[in-house]
Amino acid sequence: MSKIRSYFQETYQEMVHNVTWPTWKELQNNTILVVVASVLIALLIFAMDYAFGISGEEGSLWKGLLGFIYGSF
């Protein structure tokens, strides 16, 4: 039981005295950066899925590269 108590005391000391926490402004800037990067990556994946993916419509002319490959089998 003393090892568990010691673990939590050491963890508390580490988090309070040794960890460098970001300022509110740094946190906001990093959050905006992550959101923008996430949106850009999502748009890139959407574009690749649209270009190379299989169209959901039955009579569609464009089925993408994967539609062409899957249609040949």
N, C-alpha and C. Protein backbone atom coordinates (compact mmCIF):
# COMPACT_ATOMS: atom_id res chain seq x y z
N MET A 1 0.82 -1.19 0.00
CA MET A 1 0.00 0.00 0.00
C MET A 1 0.87 1.27 0.00
N SER A 2 2.03 1.18 0.63
CA SER A 2 2.90 2.35 0.70
C SER A 2 3.50 2.67 -0.67
N LYS A 3 3.69 1.64 -1.51
CA LYS A 3 4.21 1.88 -2.86
C LYS A 3 3.20 2.65 -3.70
N ILE A 4 1.94 2.32 -3.54
CA ILE A 4 0.89 3.01 -4.30
C ILE A 4 0.82 4.47 -3.86
N ARG A 5 0.86 4.69 -2.56
CA ARG A 5 0.82 6.06 -2.04
C ARG A 5 2.03 6.85 -2.51
N SER A 6 3.20 6.23 -2.47
CA SER A 6 4.42 6.88 -2.92
C SER A 6 4.33 7.22 -4.41
N TYR A 7 3.77 6.31 -5.19
CA TYR A 7 3.61 6.55 -6.62
C TYR A 7 2.77 7.81 -6.87
N PHE A 8 1.63 7.92 -6.19
CA PHE A 8 0.76 9.08 -6.39
C PHE A 8 1.40 10.37 -5.89
N GLN A 9 2.15 10.30 -4.80
CA GLN A 9 2.84 11.49 -4.32
C GLN A 9 3.90 11.96 -5.31
N GLU A 10 4.66 11.02 -5.84
CA GLU A 10 5.69 11.37 -6.82
C GLU A 10 5.08 11.89 -8.11
N THR A 11 3.97 11.30 -8.50
CA THR A 11 3.27 11.76 -9.70
C THR A 11 2.77 13.19 -9.52
N TYR A 12 2.20 13.48 -8.38
CA TYR A 12 1.73 14.83 -8.08
C TYR A 12 2.89 15.82 -8.11
N GLN A 13 3.99 15.48 -7.47
CA GLN A 13 5.15 16.37 -7.44
C GLN A 13 5.67 16.63 -8.86
N GLU A 14 5.71 15.60 -9.68
CA GLU A 14 6.18 15.74 -11.06
C GLU A 14 5.26 16.68 -11.85
N MET A 15 3.96 16.47 -11.72
CA MET A 15 3.00 17.27 -12.49
C MET A 15 2.97 18.73 -12.05
N VAL A 16 3.17 18.98 -10.78
CA VAL A 16 3.08 20.35 -10.26
C VAL A 16 4.38 21.12 -10.44
N HIS A 17 5.52 20.46 -10.21
CA HIS A 17 6.78 21.19 -10.15
C HIS A 17 7.68 21.02 -11.38
N ASN A 18 7.56 19.93 -12.11
CA ASN A 18 8.52 19.68 -13.18
C ASN A 18 7.93 19.80 -14.59
N VAL A 19 6.63 19.72 -14.72
CA VAL A 19 6.01 19.79 -16.05
C VAL A 19 5.85 21.24 -16.45
N THR A 20 6.20 21.54 -17.70
CA THR A 20 6.01 22.88 -18.24
C THR A 20 4.70 22.90 -19.01
N TRP A 21 3.72 23.59 -18.47
CA TRP A 21 2.40 23.67 -19.10
C TRP A 21 2.37 24.84 -20.08
N PRO A 22 1.66 24.68 -21.21
CA PRO A 22 1.58 25.79 -22.17
C PRO A 22 0.72 26.92 -21.63
N THR A 23 1.00 28.12 -22.12
CA THR A 23 0.15 29.25 -21.75
C THR A 23 -1.16 29.14 -22.51
N TRP A 24 -2.12 29.96 -22.10
CA TRP A 24 -3.44 29.94 -22.74
C TRP A 24 -3.32 30.31 -24.22
N LYS A 25 -2.48 31.29 -24.54
CA LYS A 25 -2.29 31.72 -25.93
C LYS A 25 -1.64 30.62 -26.76
N GLU A 26 -0.64 29.94 -26.21
CA GLU A 26 0.00 28.83 -26.92
C GLU A 26 -1.00 27.70 -27.16
N LEU A 27 -1.83 27.43 -26.18
CA LEU A 27 -2.84 26.39 -26.31
C LEU A 27 -3.83 26.72 -27.41
N GLN A 28 -4.27 27.98 -27.46
CA GLN A 28 -5.20 28.40 -28.51
C GLN A 28 -4.55 28.29 -29.89
N ASN A 29 -3.32 28.75 -30.03
CA ASN A 29 -2.62 28.68 -31.31
C ASN A 29 -2.43 27.24 -31.78
N ASN A 30 -2.04 26.37 -30.87
CA ASN A 30 -1.84 24.97 -31.22
C ASN A 30 -3.16 24.29 -31.58
N THR A 31 -4.24 24.66 -30.89
CA THR A 31 -5.55 24.09 -31.20
C THR A 31 -5.99 24.50 -32.59
N ILE A 32 -5.81 25.77 -32.94
CA ILE A 32 -6.18 26.24 -34.27
C ILE A 32 -5.35 25.53 -35.33
N LEU A 33 -4.07 25.34 -35.07
CA LEU A 33 -3.20 24.64 -36.01
C LEU A 33 -3.68 23.20 -36.23
N VAL A 34 -4.05 22.51 -35.17
CA VAL A 34 -4.52 21.13 -35.28
C VAL A 34 -5.84 21.07 -36.05
N VAL A 35 -6.75 22.01 -35.79
CA VAL A 35 -8.04 22.02 -36.49
C VAL A 35 -7.83 22.27 -37.98
N VAL A 36 -7.01 23.24 -38.33
CA VAL A 36 -6.75 23.55 -39.74
C VAL A 36 -6.09 22.35 -40.43
N ALA A 37 -5.10 21.75 -39.80
CA ALA A 37 -4.44 20.58 -40.39
C ALA A 37 -5.42 19.42 -40.55
N SER A 38 -6.30 19.22 -39.58
CA SER A 38 -7.28 18.14 -39.67
C SER A 38 -8.24 18.36 -40.83
N VAL A 39 -8.70 19.59 -41.01
CA VAL A 39 -9.60 19.90 -42.12
C VAL A 39 -8.90 19.70 -43.46
N LEU A 40 -7.66 20.15 -43.58
CA LEU A 40 -6.92 19.98 -44.83
C LEU A 40 -6.70 18.51 -45.15
N ILE A 41 -6.34 17.72 -44.16
CA ILE A 41 -6.14 16.28 -44.39
C ILE A 41 -7.46 15.61 -44.75
N ALA A 42 -8.55 16.01 -44.10
CA ALA A 42 -9.87 15.44 -44.44
C ALA A 42 -10.25 15.78 -45.88
N LEU A 43 -9.98 17.01 -46.31
CA LEU A 43 -10.28 17.40 -47.69
C LEU A 43 -9.41 16.63 -48.68
N LEU A 44 -8.15 16.41 -48.34
CA LEU A 44 -7.27 15.64 -49.19
C LEU A 44 -7.76 14.19 -49.32
N ILE A 45 -8.15 13.59 -48.22
CA ILE A 45 -8.67 12.23 -48.26
C ILE A 45 -9.97 12.17 -49.05
N PHE A 46 -10.84 13.17 -48.88
CA PHE A 46 -12.08 13.23 -49.65
C PHE A 46 -11.79 13.30 -51.14
N ALA A 47 -10.83 14.16 -51.53
CA ALA A 47 -10.48 14.31 -52.95
C ALA A 47 -9.91 13.01 -53.52
N MET A 48 -9.05 12.35 -52.75
CA MET A 48 -8.49 11.08 -53.22
C MET A 48 -9.58 10.01 -53.31
N ASP A 49 -10.49 9.99 -52.35
CA ASP A 49 -11.57 9.02 -52.36
C ASP A 49 -12.49 9.27 -53.56
N TYR A 50 -12.73 10.54 -53.85
CA TYR A 50 -13.58 10.88 -55.00
C TYR A 50 -12.89 10.52 -56.31
N ALA A 51 -11.60 10.79 -56.40
CA ALA A 51 -10.88 10.54 -57.65
C ALA A 51 -10.63 9.05 -57.88
N PHE A 52 -10.31 8.31 -56.84
CA PHE A 52 -9.94 6.92 -57.01
C PHE A 52 -11.02 5.95 -56.56
N GLY A 53 -12.07 6.46 -55.95
CA GLY A 53 -13.08 5.59 -55.38
C GLY A 53 -14.14 5.16 -56.38
N ILE A 54 -14.98 4.27 -55.94
CA ILE A 54 -16.08 3.77 -56.76
C ILE A 54 -17.29 4.65 -56.50
N SER A 55 -17.90 5.12 -57.58
CA SER A 55 -19.10 5.96 -57.45
C SER A 55 -20.26 5.10 -56.97
N GLY A 56 -21.12 5.70 -56.16
CA GLY A 56 -22.26 4.97 -55.62
C GLY A 56 -23.40 4.82 -56.62
N GLU A 57 -23.39 5.58 -57.70
CA GLU A 57 -24.48 5.52 -58.67
C GLU A 57 -24.26 4.36 -59.63
N GLU A 58 -25.35 3.71 -60.01
CA GLU A 58 -25.25 2.52 -60.84
C GLU A 58 -24.84 2.83 -62.28
N GLY A 59 -25.39 3.89 -62.90
CA GLY A 59 -25.09 4.18 -64.29
C GLY A 59 -23.98 5.20 -64.48
N SER A 60 -23.19 5.44 -63.48
CA SER A 60 -22.16 6.46 -63.53
C SER A 60 -21.05 6.06 -64.50
N LEU A 61 -20.58 7.05 -65.29
CA LEU A 61 -19.48 6.80 -66.21
C LEU A 61 -18.15 6.74 -65.48
N TRP A 62 -17.98 7.61 -64.49
CA TRP A 62 -16.71 7.67 -63.77
C TRP A 62 -16.79 6.82 -62.52
N LYS A 63 -16.00 5.78 -62.48
CA LYS A 63 -15.95 4.92 -61.30
C LYS A 63 -14.60 4.99 -60.63
N GLY A 64 -13.74 5.88 -61.11
CA GLY A 64 -12.44 6.02 -60.51
C GLY A 64 -11.51 4.90 -60.90
N LEU A 65 -10.28 5.03 -60.48
CA LEU A 65 -9.27 4.01 -60.80
C LEU A 65 -9.61 2.67 -60.16
N LEU A 66 -10.05 2.70 -58.91
CA LEU A 66 -10.39 1.44 -58.25
C LEU A 66 -11.61 0.80 -58.88
N GLY A 67 -12.57 1.61 -59.33
CA GLY A 67 -13.73 1.06 -60.02
C GLY A 67 -13.34 0.37 -61.31
N PHE A 68 -12.37 0.94 -62.02
CA PHE A 68 -11.86 0.31 -63.24
C PHE A 68 -11.17 -1.01 -62.92
N ILE A 69 -10.36 -1.02 -61.87
CA ILE A 69 -9.63 -2.24 -61.49
C ILE A 69 -10.60 -3.31 -61.02
N TYR A 70 -11.55 -2.94 -60.15
CA TYR A 70 -12.51 -3.93 -59.63
C TYR A 70 -13.45 -4.41 -60.72
N GLY A 71 -13.76 -3.54 -61.68
CA GLY A 71 -14.67 -3.92 -62.76
C GLY A 71 -14.04 -4.89 -63.73
N SER A 72 -12.73 -4.97 -63.76
CA SER A 72 -12.06 -5.86 -64.71
C SER A 72 -11.99 -7.30 -64.20
N PHE A 73 -12.35 -7.54 -62.94
CA PHE A 73 -12.30 -8.89 -62.42
C PHE A 73 -13.64 -9.56 -62.48
